[in-house]
Amino acid sequence: MTIDEAQQAVDAWIQNVGGGYFSELTNMALLTEETGELARVIARKYGDQIAKRGDLDCSLAEEMADILWVLICLANQTGVNLTDALQDSIRKKTERDAERFAPRRTRKLS
């Protein structure tokens, strides 16, 4: 599935099943909530925190997909084409950071 197809699929679901979009402000709050849920899983799975019962019931993939869903909702309702936005971001970072990480690329492992 391409990003454009994902934006269309989410929009179709929202229109046909979901009953319409939440407000942009609500979706921003939901994006923050979902990001916190991903952070919780990562902190317990890869970090120093010890998981409590149920902390790891959700997978990284599930939490990342939830974030992507809400991000796509925000993009759809504000008229952002995420394919174009991502391509612009990659171009910007490539131009800006062309030499920034050069020492890292040439560093030899001992």
Protein backbone atom coordinates (compact mmCIF):
# COMPACT_ATOMS: atom_id res chain seq x y z
CA MET A 1 0.00 0.00 0.00
CA THR A 2 1.37 3.41 -0.93
CA ILE A 3 1.00 6.45 1.29
CA ASP A 4 -1.60 7.87 -1.13
CA GLU A 5 -3.54 4.60 -0.96
CA ALA A 6 -3.34 4.68 2.83
CA GLN A 7 -4.74 8.21 2.90
CA GLN A 8 -7.59 7.12 0.63
CA ALA A 9 -8.28 3.96 2.65
CA VAL A 10 -8.41 5.83 5.96
CA ASP A 11 -10.66 8.49 4.45
CA ALA A 12 -13.03 5.83 3.06
CA TRP A 13 -13.18 4.13 6.46
CA ILE A 14 -13.83 7.40 8.26
CA GLN A 15 -16.60 8.32 5.82
CA ASN A 16 -18.25 4.89 5.60
CA VAL A 17 -17.70 3.37 9.03
CA GLY A 18 -16.33 5.96 11.43
CA GLY A 19 -19.03 8.57 11.07
CA GLY A 20 -16.65 11.41 10.19
CA TYR A 21 -13.41 12.84 11.45
CA PHE A 22 -12.83 14.01 14.99
CA SER A 23 -11.72 17.63 15.19
CA GLU A 24 -8.12 18.43 14.42
CA LEU A 25 -7.52 19.29 18.05
CA THR A 26 -8.96 15.97 19.22
CA ASN A 27 -6.85 14.10 16.68
CA MET A 28 -3.75 15.95 17.87
CA ALA A 29 -4.53 14.84 21.42
CA LEU A 30 -5.07 11.28 20.18
CA LEU A 31 -1.74 11.38 18.32
CA THR A 32 -0.04 12.40 21.55
CA GLU A 33 -1.81 9.61 23.42
CA GLU A 34 -0.83 6.98 20.84
CA THR A 35 2.77 8.21 20.86
CA GLY A 36 2.80 7.77 24.63
CA GLU A 37 1.57 4.20 24.25
CA LEU A 38 4.40 3.45 21.82
CA ALA A 39 6.88 5.05 24.21
CA ARG A 40 5.58 2.86 27.04
CA VAL A 41 6.14 -0.34 25.03
CA ILE A 42 9.62 0.74 23.92
CA ALA A 43 10.63 1.81 27.45
CA ARG A 44 9.67 -1.56 28.82
CA LYS A 45 10.85 -3.72 25.95
CA TYR A 46 14.13 -1.96 25.09
CA GLY A 47 14.70 0.39 28.01
CA ASP A 48 15.34 0.07 31.70
CA GLN A 49 11.76 -0.02 32.95
CA ILE A 50 10.34 -3.31 34.11
CA ALA A 51 7.05 -4.22 32.51
CA LYS A 52 3.96 -4.73 34.64
CA ARG A 53 1.30 -7.27 33.75
CA GLY A 54 -0.30 -6.18 30.48
CA ASP A 55 2.35 -3.60 29.54
CA LEU A 56 3.59 -5.66 26.62
CA ASP A 57 0.22 -6.91 25.39
CA CYS A 58 0.34 -4.37 22.56
CA SER A 59 2.98 -4.85 19.91
CA LEU A 60 5.25 -2.20 18.49
CA ALA A 61 3.60 -2.70 15.11
CA GLU A 62 0.14 -2.11 16.57
CA GLU A 63 1.20 1.08 18.35
CA MET A 64 3.04 2.38 15.28
CA ALA A 65 0.01 1.65 13.11
CA ASP A 66 -2.22 3.55 15.56
CA ILE A 67 0.09 6.56 15.27
CA LEU A 68 0.11 6.32 11.49
CA TRP A 69 -3.70 6.11 11.43
CA VAL A 70 -4.16 9.30 13.44
CA LEU A 71 -1.41 11.09 11.48
CA ILE A 72 -3.17 10.16 8.25
CA CYS A 73 -6.45 11.46 9.68
CA LEU A 74 -4.79 14.79 10.48
CA ALA A 75 -3.24 14.96 7.02
CA ASN A 76 -6.55 14.18 5.31
CA GLN A 77 -8.54 16.73 7.23
CA THR A 78 -5.95 19.50 6.77
CA GLY A 79 -5.29 18.81 3.09
CA VAL A 80 -1.72 17.53 3.45
CA ASN A 81 -0.49 15.04 0.85
CA LEU A 82 1.84 12.89 2.92
CA THR A 83 3.69 11.52 -0.11
CA ASP A 84 4.64 15.03 -1.20
CA ALA A 85 5.42 16.06 2.36
CA LEU A 86 7.70 13.07 2.94
CA GLN A 87 9.50 13.56 -0.37
CA ASP A 88 10.05 17.23 0.51
CA SER A 89 11.36 16.25 3.94
CA ILE A 90 13.80 13.73 2.49
CA ARG A 91 15.02 16.29 -0.05
CA LYS A 92 15.46 18.95 2.66
CA LYS A 93 17.38 16.61 4.97
CA THR A 94 19.57 15.36 2.12
CA GLU A 95 20.55 18.89 1.12
CA ARG A 96 20.96 20.15 4.67
CA ASP A 97 22.86 17.16 6.02
CA ALA A 98 24.92 16.15 2.98
CA GLU A 99 28.17 16.51 4.93
CA ARG A 100 26.87 16.39 8.48
CA PHE A 101 27.18 12.62 8.92
CA ALA A 102 30.21 12.08 6.69
CA PRO A 103 32.50 11.23 9.64
CA ARG A 104 30.04 8.56 10.70
CA ARG A 105 29.95 6.96 7.26
CA THR A 106 33.72 6.79 7.02
CA ARG A 107 34.40 5.65 10.58
CA LYS A 108 35.96 2.21 10.70
CA LEU A 109 34.90 -0.39 13.20
CA SER A 110 37.72 -1.91 15.23
